[in-house]
Amino acid sequence: MEKKIIEVVAAAIIAQNQVLLAQRAANAQDGGLWELPGGKVEAGESHQQALRRELQEELALTCEIGASLGCAEVEKEHCIIRLHGYIATLPNAITPVLHCHDAVHWVSYAELADYAMPAADIPLVAALRQYMQAIPNKERIIIPAENRLKINKPRNRH
């Protein structure tokens, strides 16, 4: 029997050379792991539409969706998860509302390796690092400090 493919999208939300990670709720699948926020694509939605909807539903964020980071597949017992990653930006300062996650953090690219993540996110994070290294500093997305999300860093990242 052929496994069902579940299409999922995730956003690498970038500001000040940092990316926003969300911690999955403790009672969710892969609970406690850190991820690029996103969710499942519904019938009739484009990846960008699904990502905008998921970010609004899960974090109350309205983001601009940009370049693709590629796709990663993970085979589970009963299905295949196909995760499509995208660069995203916040047009203005918005504080996320945690509906489905336990926490969110702004993380430098060097710190990304310190966070335990689901298997599908790992290749997208590697693609994100390559993407950011390829962009000259003067072209990187810079948001003034007063407009950045204000999020407390946790003591324990795992």
N, C-alpha and C. Protein backbone atom coordinates (compact mmCIF):
# COMPACT_ATOMS: atom_id res chain seq x y z
N MET A 1 0.84 -1.19 0.00
CA MET A 1 0.00 0.00 0.00
C MET A 1 0.88 1.24 0.00
N GLU A 2 0.58 2.16 -0.89
CA GLU A 2 1.35 3.39 -1.00
C GLU A 2 0.99 4.35 0.13
N LYS A 3 2.02 4.95 0.69
CA LYS A 3 1.80 5.87 1.81
C LYS A 3 1.27 7.21 1.31
N LYS A 4 0.39 7.80 2.09
CA LYS A 4 -0.16 9.11 1.79
C LYS A 4 0.93 10.16 1.97
N ILE A 5 0.98 11.12 1.04
CA ILE A 5 1.93 12.23 1.15
C ILE A 5 1.19 13.43 1.74
N ILE A 6 1.72 13.96 2.83
CA ILE A 6 1.14 15.13 3.47
C ILE A 6 2.03 16.33 3.16
N GLU A 7 1.46 17.31 2.47
CA GLU A 7 2.19 18.52 2.09
C GLU A 7 2.15 19.51 3.26
N VAL A 8 3.32 19.98 3.66
CA VAL A 8 3.46 20.89 4.79
C VAL A 8 4.37 22.04 4.36
N VAL A 9 4.13 23.22 4.91
CA VAL A 9 4.96 24.39 4.62
C VAL A 9 5.54 24.96 5.92
N ALA A 10 6.70 25.58 5.81
CA ALA A 10 7.36 26.18 6.98
C ALA A 10 8.02 27.48 6.56
N ALA A 11 8.09 28.43 7.49
CA ALA A 11 8.67 29.74 7.22
C ALA A 11 9.93 29.97 8.04
N ALA A 12 10.98 30.41 7.36
CA ALA A 12 12.16 30.92 8.04
C ALA A 12 11.95 32.44 8.10
N ILE A 13 11.37 32.90 9.21
CA ILE A 13 11.08 34.33 9.38
C ILE A 13 12.37 35.00 9.84
N ILE A 14 12.87 35.92 9.02
CA ILE A 14 14.19 36.51 9.23
C ILE A 14 14.08 37.98 9.62
N ALA A 15 14.87 38.36 10.62
CA ALA A 15 15.03 39.76 11.02
C ALA A 15 16.37 39.90 11.73
N GLN A 16 17.11 40.94 11.39
CA GLN A 16 18.40 41.23 12.03
C GLN A 16 19.34 40.02 12.01
N ASN A 17 19.38 39.32 10.88
CA ASN A 17 20.24 38.13 10.74
C ASN A 17 19.92 37.06 11.78
N GLN A 18 18.67 37.01 12.21
CA GLN A 18 18.20 35.96 13.10
C GLN A 18 16.94 35.35 12.50
N VAL A 19 16.63 34.15 12.94
CA VAL A 19 15.44 33.45 12.45
C VAL A 19 14.56 33.09 13.65
N LEU A 20 13.25 33.13 13.43
CA LEU A 20 12.30 32.81 14.49
C LEU A 20 12.05 31.31 14.53
N LEU A 21 12.29 30.70 15.69
CA LEU A 21 11.96 29.29 15.90
C LEU A 21 10.80 29.20 16.88
N ALA A 22 9.97 28.18 16.68
CA ALA A 22 8.83 27.94 17.57
C ALA A 22 8.99 26.56 18.20
N GLN A 23 8.71 26.47 19.50
CA GLN A 23 8.82 25.19 20.20
C GLN A 23 7.46 24.50 20.19
N ARG A 24 7.45 23.28 19.67
CA ARG A 24 6.21 22.51 19.63
C ARG A 24 5.69 22.26 21.04
N ALA A 25 4.38 22.29 21.17
CA ALA A 25 3.76 22.03 22.48
C ALA A 25 4.18 20.66 22.98
N ALA A 26 4.35 20.56 24.29
CA ALA A 26 4.82 19.31 24.91
C ALA A 26 3.92 18.12 24.58
N ASN A 27 2.62 18.35 24.43
CA ASN A 27 1.69 17.25 24.17
C ASN A 27 1.48 16.96 22.68
N ALA A 28 2.20 17.66 21.79
CA ALA A 28 2.07 17.46 20.34
C ALA A 28 3.07 16.41 19.86
N GLN A 29 2.87 15.95 18.62
CA GLN A 29 3.87 15.06 18.02
C GLN A 29 5.20 15.80 17.97
N ASP A 30 6.28 15.12 18.30
CA ASP A 30 7.60 15.75 18.40
C ASP A 30 7.59 16.90 19.40
N GLY A 31 6.79 16.78 20.46
CA GLY A 31 6.65 17.82 21.47
C GLY A 31 7.98 18.23 22.07
N GLY A 32 8.14 19.54 22.25
CA GLY A 32 9.35 20.10 22.83
C GLY A 32 10.43 20.43 21.82
N LEU A 33 10.32 19.90 20.59
CA LEU A 33 11.32 20.21 19.57
C LEU A 33 11.05 21.60 19.00
N TRP A 34 12.08 22.20 18.45
CA TRP A 34 12.00 23.54 17.86
C TRP A 34 11.84 23.40 16.35
N GLU A 35 11.03 24.27 15.75
CA GLU A 35 10.76 24.16 14.32
C GLU A 35 10.65 25.54 13.68
N LEU A 36 10.76 25.51 12.35
CA LEU A 36 10.37 26.67 11.57
C LEU A 36 8.84 26.62 11.55
N PRO A 37 8.15 27.68 11.97
CA PRO A 37 6.70 27.61 12.08
C PRO A 37 6.01 27.43 10.73
N GLY A 38 4.87 26.77 10.76
CA GLY A 38 4.09 26.53 9.55
C GLY A 38 3.02 25.50 9.81
N GLY A 39 2.63 24.75 8.78
CA GLY A 39 1.62 23.73 8.96
C GLY A 39 1.20 23.10 7.65
N LYS A 40 0.13 22.34 7.70
CA LYS A 40 -0.34 21.56 6.54
C LYS A 40 -1.00 22.45 5.49
N VAL A 41 -0.79 22.05 4.24
CA VAL A 41 -1.44 22.70 3.10
C VAL A 41 -2.82 22.07 2.93
N GLU A 42 -3.85 22.91 2.88
CA GLU A 42 -5.21 22.41 2.69
C GLU A 42 -5.53 22.34 1.20
N ALA A 43 -6.52 21.53 0.84
CA ALA A 43 -6.93 21.36 -0.55
C ALA A 43 -7.23 22.72 -1.19
N GLY A 44 -6.68 22.93 -2.37
CA GLY A 44 -6.93 24.17 -3.11
C GLY A 44 -6.03 25.33 -2.75
N GLU A 45 -5.16 25.17 -1.76
CA GLU A 45 -4.26 26.25 -1.35
C GLU A 45 -2.91 26.15 -2.05
N SER A 46 -2.34 27.29 -2.37
CA SER A 46 -0.94 27.31 -2.79
C SER A 46 -0.09 27.22 -1.52
N HIS A 47 1.19 26.95 -1.69
CA HIS A 47 2.08 26.91 -0.52
C HIS A 47 2.07 28.25 0.20
N GLN A 48 2.13 29.34 -0.55
CA GLN A 48 2.17 30.67 0.06
C GLN A 48 0.88 30.97 0.82
N GLN A 49 -0.26 30.60 0.24
CA GLN A 49 -1.54 30.81 0.93
C GLN A 49 -1.60 30.01 2.23
N ALA A 50 -1.16 28.76 2.16
CA ALA A 50 -1.17 27.91 3.35
C ALA A 50 -0.26 28.47 4.43
N LEU A 51 0.91 28.94 4.03
CA LEU A 51 1.87 29.47 5.00
C LEU A 51 1.34 30.74 5.66
N ARG A 52 0.77 31.63 4.88
CA ARG A 52 0.17 32.85 5.47
C ARG A 52 -0.93 32.47 6.47
N ARG A 53 -1.79 31.53 6.09
CA ARG A 53 -2.89 31.11 6.96
C ARG A 53 -2.35 30.48 8.24
N GLU A 54 -1.41 29.56 8.11
CA GLU A 54 -0.87 28.87 9.29
C GLU A 54 -0.17 29.84 10.24
N LEU A 55 0.61 30.77 9.72
CA LEU A 55 1.31 31.73 10.58
C LEU A 55 0.31 32.63 11.30
N GLN A 56 -0.77 32.98 10.61
CA GLN A 56 -1.82 33.79 11.24
C GLN A 56 -2.54 32.99 12.32
N GLU A 57 -2.91 31.74 12.03
CA GLU A 57 -3.64 30.91 12.98
C GLU A 57 -2.80 30.55 14.20
N GLU A 58 -1.54 30.17 13.98
CA GLU A 58 -0.72 29.65 15.07
C GLU A 58 0.00 30.72 15.88
N LEU A 59 0.39 31.83 15.23
CA LEU A 59 1.19 32.84 15.92
C LEU A 59 0.63 34.25 15.78
N ALA A 60 -0.49 34.41 15.08
CA ALA A 60 -1.08 35.73 14.81
C ALA A 60 -0.09 36.65 14.11
N LEU A 61 0.71 36.07 13.19
CA LEU A 61 1.69 36.84 12.43
C LEU A 61 1.24 36.97 10.98
N THR A 62 1.41 38.16 10.43
CA THR A 62 1.17 38.40 9.02
C THR A 62 2.52 38.63 8.37
N CYS A 63 2.95 37.67 7.56
CA CYS A 63 4.29 37.70 6.98
C CYS A 63 4.22 37.84 5.47
N GLU A 64 5.31 38.36 4.91
CA GLU A 64 5.50 38.38 3.47
C GLU A 64 6.33 37.14 3.14
N ILE A 65 5.84 36.32 2.21
CA ILE A 65 6.50 35.07 1.85
C ILE A 65 7.41 35.33 0.65
N GLY A 66 8.67 34.87 0.76
CA GLY A 66 9.65 35.11 -0.29
C GLY A 66 10.14 33.83 -0.93
N ALA A 67 11.45 33.75 -1.10
CA ALA A 67 12.11 32.68 -1.84
C ALA A 67 11.93 31.31 -1.18
N SER A 68 11.95 30.29 -2.03
CA SER A 68 11.87 28.91 -1.55
C SER A 68 13.22 28.47 -1.01
N LEU A 69 13.19 27.69 0.07
CA LEU A 69 14.39 27.06 0.61
C LEU A 69 14.51 25.62 0.14
N GLY A 70 13.52 25.13 -0.59
CA GLY A 70 13.53 23.76 -1.05
C GLY A 70 12.52 22.91 -0.31
N CYS A 71 12.71 21.61 -0.44
CA CYS A 71 11.75 20.65 0.09
C CYS A 71 12.49 19.51 0.76
N ALA A 72 11.95 19.01 1.87
CA ALA A 72 12.51 17.85 2.57
C ALA A 72 11.39 16.85 2.79
N GLU A 73 11.72 15.57 2.66
CA GLU A 73 10.73 14.52 2.91
C GLU A 73 11.19 13.63 4.05
N VAL A 74 10.23 13.27 4.89
CA VAL A 74 10.50 12.34 5.99
C VAL A 74 9.43 11.26 5.93
N GLU A 75 9.87 10.01 5.93
CA GLU A 75 8.94 8.90 5.90
C GLU A 75 8.57 8.52 7.33
N LYS A 76 7.29 8.55 7.60
CA LYS A 76 6.75 8.13 8.90
C LYS A 76 6.12 6.75 8.73
N GLU A 77 5.60 6.18 9.80
CA GLU A 77 5.04 4.83 9.73
C GLU A 77 3.89 4.73 8.73
N HIS A 78 2.98 5.72 8.72
CA HIS A 78 1.79 5.63 7.88
C HIS A 78 1.72 6.68 6.78
N CYS A 79 2.73 7.55 6.68
CA CYS A 79 2.67 8.62 5.68
C CYS A 79 4.07 9.14 5.37
N ILE A 80 4.12 10.01 4.38
CA ILE A 80 5.35 10.74 4.06
C ILE A 80 5.05 12.21 4.25
N ILE A 81 5.87 12.88 5.05
CA ILE A 81 5.74 14.32 5.26
C ILE A 81 6.65 15.00 4.24
N ARG A 82 6.08 15.86 3.41
CA ARG A 82 6.85 16.63 2.44
C ARG A 82 6.79 18.09 2.90
N LEU A 83 7.91 18.57 3.42
CA LEU A 83 7.99 19.92 4.00
C LEU A 83 8.67 20.88 3.03
N HIS A 84 7.95 21.94 2.67
CA HIS A 84 8.44 22.98 1.77
C HIS A 84 8.78 24.21 2.61
N GLY A 85 10.01 24.69 2.50
CA GLY A 85 10.44 25.84 3.29
C GLY A 85 10.51 27.11 2.46
N TYR A 86 10.21 28.24 3.10
CA TYR A 86 10.24 29.54 2.45
C TYR A 86 10.84 30.58 3.38
N ILE A 87 11.53 31.55 2.78
CA ILE A 87 11.98 32.73 3.50
C ILE A 87 10.75 33.60 3.74
N ALA A 88 10.64 34.22 4.91
CA ALA A 88 9.53 35.12 5.19
C ALA A 88 10.03 36.31 5.99
N THR A 89 9.33 37.41 5.87
CA THR A 89 9.67 38.62 6.63
C THR A 89 8.39 39.19 7.24
N LEU A 90 8.59 39.93 8.32
CA LEU A 90 7.49 40.64 8.97
C LEU A 90 7.52 42.08 8.48
N PRO A 91 6.42 42.60 7.93
CA PRO A 91 6.42 43.97 7.45
C PRO A 91 6.49 45.00 8.57
N ASN A 92 6.13 44.62 9.79
CA ASN A 92 6.23 45.54 10.93
C ASN A 92 6.35 44.72 12.21
N ALA A 93 6.55 45.39 13.30
CA ALA A 93 6.73 44.71 14.59
C ALA A 93 5.40 44.14 15.07
N ILE A 94 5.40 42.85 15.26
CA ILE A 94 4.20 42.15 15.74
C ILE A 94 4.66 41.16 16.80
N THR A 95 4.00 41.13 17.91
CA THR A 95 4.33 40.15 18.95
C THR A 95 3.50 38.90 18.70
N PRO A 96 4.15 37.74 18.56
CA PRO A 96 3.38 36.53 18.30
C PRO A 96 2.51 36.13 19.49
N VAL A 97 1.39 35.52 19.17
CA VAL A 97 0.48 34.97 20.17
C VAL A 97 0.62 33.46 20.08
N LEU A 98 0.92 32.82 21.20
CA LEU A 98 1.19 31.39 21.19
C LEU A 98 -0.11 30.60 21.34
N HIS A 99 -0.63 30.10 20.20
CA HIS A 99 -1.82 29.26 20.22
C HIS A 99 -1.45 27.78 20.25
N CYS A 100 -0.42 27.40 19.51
CA CYS A 100 -0.07 25.98 19.33
C CYS A 100 1.33 25.65 19.81
N HIS A 101 2.10 26.64 20.18
CA HIS A 101 3.50 26.42 20.58
C HIS A 101 3.69 26.82 22.04
N ASP A 102 4.75 26.26 22.63
CA ASP A 102 5.06 26.60 24.02
C ASP A 102 5.92 27.85 24.13
N ALA A 103 6.71 28.15 23.09
CA ALA A 103 7.60 29.32 23.13
C ALA A 103 8.06 29.64 21.72
N VAL A 104 8.58 30.84 21.54
CA VAL A 104 9.26 31.24 20.31
C VAL A 104 10.54 31.97 20.69
N HIS A 105 11.57 31.85 19.84
CA HIS A 105 12.86 32.53 20.08
C HIS A 105 13.41 33.06 18.77
N TRP A 106 14.08 34.21 18.87
CA TRP A 106 14.92 34.67 17.77
C TRP A 106 16.28 34.02 17.97
N VAL A 107 16.80 33.41 16.93
CA VAL A 107 18.03 32.63 17.03
C VAL A 107 18.99 33.06 15.93
N SER A 108 20.27 33.24 16.29
CA SER A 108 21.28 33.54 15.26
C SER A 108 21.53 32.28 14.45
N TYR A 109 22.11 32.45 13.27
CA TYR A 109 22.39 31.29 12.43
C TYR A 109 23.37 30.34 13.10
N ALA A 110 24.30 30.88 13.85
CA ALA A 110 25.27 30.04 14.57
C ALA A 110 24.59 29.21 15.66
N GLU A 111 23.53 29.75 16.26
CA GLU A 111 22.82 29.06 17.35
C GLU A 111 21.84 27.99 16.87
N LEU A 112 21.51 27.99 15.60
CA LEU A 112 20.51 27.04 15.10
C LEU A 112 20.86 25.60 15.43
N ALA A 113 22.14 25.27 15.39
CA ALA A 113 22.58 23.90 15.66
C ALA A 113 22.35 23.49 17.12
N ASP A 114 22.14 24.47 18.00
CA ASP A 114 21.94 24.19 19.42
C ASP A 114 20.50 23.75 19.75
N TYR A 115 19.61 23.85 18.79
CA TYR A 115 18.20 23.56 19.02
C TYR A 115 17.81 22.21 18.42
N ALA A 116 17.19 21.36 19.22
CA ALA A 116 16.72 20.06 18.74
C ALA A 116 15.49 20.29 17.85
N MET A 117 15.53 19.73 16.62
CA MET A 117 14.47 19.96 15.64
C MET A 117 13.96 18.65 15.05
N PRO A 118 12.73 18.67 14.52
CA PRO A 118 12.24 17.49 13.79
C PRO A 118 13.12 17.24 12.56
N ALA A 119 13.17 16.00 12.11
CA ALA A 119 14.05 15.61 11.00
C ALA A 119 13.81 16.42 9.74
N ALA A 120 12.57 16.75 9.41
CA ALA A 120 12.26 17.47 8.17
C ALA A 120 12.80 18.90 8.18
N ASP A 121 12.93 19.50 9.34
CA ASP A 121 13.41 20.89 9.42
C ASP A 121 14.92 21.00 9.19
N ILE A 122 15.67 19.95 9.48
CA ILE A 122 17.13 20.03 9.45
C ILE A 122 17.67 20.39 8.07
N PRO A 123 17.23 19.75 6.96
CA PRO A 123 17.74 20.16 5.66
C PRO A 123 17.33 21.58 5.27
N LEU A 124 16.16 22.02 5.73
CA LEU A 124 15.73 23.39 5.42
C LEU A 124 16.58 24.40 6.16
N VAL A 125 16.97 24.09 7.39
CA VAL A 125 17.86 24.97 8.15
C VAL A 125 19.23 25.04 7.48
N ALA A 126 19.71 23.91 6.95
CA ALA A 126 20.98 23.91 6.22
C ALA A 126 20.87 24.78 4.97
N ALA A 127 19.75 24.70 4.26
CA ALA A 127 19.52 25.54 3.09
C ALA A 127 19.44 27.01 3.48
N LEU A 128 18.85 27.30 4.64
CA LEU A 128 18.76 28.67 5.13
C LEU A 128 20.15 29.24 5.39
N ARG A 129 21.02 28.45 6.00
CA ARG A 129 22.39 28.92 6.25
C ARG A 129 23.09 29.26 4.94
N GLN A 130 22.96 28.39 3.93
CA GLN A 130 23.57 28.65 2.63
C GLN A 130 22.99 29.90 1.99
N TYR A 131 21.68 30.05 2.09
CA TYR A 131 21.00 31.22 1.54
C TYR A 131 21.56 32.50 2.16
N MET A 132 21.69 32.51 3.48
CA MET A 132 22.16 33.71 4.17
C MET A 132 23.63 34.00 3.89
N GLN A 133 24.44 32.96 3.73
CA GLN A 133 25.86 33.17 3.42
C GLN A 133 26.03 33.74 2.01
N ALA A 134 25.09 33.46 1.12
CA ALA A 134 25.19 33.91 -0.27
C ALA A 134 24.76 35.36 -0.46
N ILE A 135 24.07 35.92 0.53
CA ILE A 135 23.57 37.29 0.41
C ILE A 135 24.57 38.25 1.06
N PRO A 136 25.03 39.26 0.30
CA PRO A 136 25.93 40.25 0.91
C PRO A 136 25.24 40.95 2.08
N ASN A 137 26.02 41.31 3.10
CA ASN A 137 25.46 41.96 4.30
C ASN A 137 24.59 43.16 3.96
N LYS A 138 24.99 43.95 2.99
CA LYS A 138 24.22 45.16 2.68
C LYS A 138 22.83 44.86 2.13
N GLU A 139 22.61 43.64 1.64
CA GLU A 139 21.31 43.27 1.09
C GLU A 139 20.46 42.47 2.06
N ARG A 140 21.01 42.16 3.22
CA ARG A 140 20.25 41.37 4.19
C ARG A 140 19.11 42.19 4.76
N ILE A 141 18.14 41.47 5.27
CA ILE A 141 16.94 42.11 5.81
C ILE A 141 17.27 42.70 7.17
N ILE A 142 17.14 44.01 7.29
CA ILE A 142 17.45 44.69 8.55
C ILE A 142 16.18 45.40 9.03
N ILE A 143 15.79 45.09 10.24
CA ILE A 143 14.65 45.75 10.87
C ILE A 143 15.18 46.47 12.10
N PRO A 144 14.88 47.75 12.27
CA PRO A 144 15.37 48.47 13.44
C PRO A 144 15.01 47.74 14.74
N ALA A 145 15.91 47.82 15.71
CA ALA A 145 15.73 47.11 16.98
C ALA A 145 14.39 47.43 17.63
N GLU A 146 13.94 48.66 17.54
CA GLU A 146 12.68 49.03 18.20
C GLU A 146 11.47 48.38 17.52
N ASN A 147 11.64 47.89 16.30
CA ASN A 147 10.53 47.24 15.59
C ASN A 147 10.58 45.72 15.66
N ARG A 148 11.62 45.17 16.26
CA ARG A 148 11.75 43.72 16.34
C ARG A 148 10.82 43.15 17.40
N LEU A 149 10.50 41.88 17.23
CA LEU A 149 9.70 41.19 18.23
C LEU A 149 10.46 41.14 19.54
N LYS A 150 9.77 41.31 20.61
CA LYS A 150 10.40 41.25 21.92
C LYS A 150 10.03 39.91 22.55
N ILE A 151 11.02 39.02 22.59
CA ILE A 151 10.80 37.66 23.08
C ILE A 151 11.89 37.33 24.07
N ASN A 152 11.51 36.83 25.22
CA ASN A 152 12.50 36.44 26.22
C ASN A 152 13.16 35.14 25.82
N LYS A 153 14.47 35.06 26.00
CA LYS A 153 15.19 33.82 25.72
C LYS A 153 15.03 32.88 26.91
N PRO A 154 14.87 31.59 26.64
CA PRO A 154 14.69 30.64 27.73
C PRO A 154 16.02 30.25 28.35
N ARG A 155 15.94 29.62 29.47
CA ARG A 155 17.15 29.11 30.12
C ARG A 155 17.54 27.76 29.54
N ASN A 156 16.55 26.94 29.16
CA ASN A 156 16.81 25.60 28.65
C ASN A 156 16.24 25.49 27.25
N ARG A 157 17.09 25.19 26.29
CA ARG A 157 16.64 25.14 24.90
C ARG A 157 16.20 23.76 24.46
N HIS A 158 16.35 22.74 25.27
CA HIS A 158 16.00 21.38 24.83
C HIS A 158 14.87 20.82 25.65
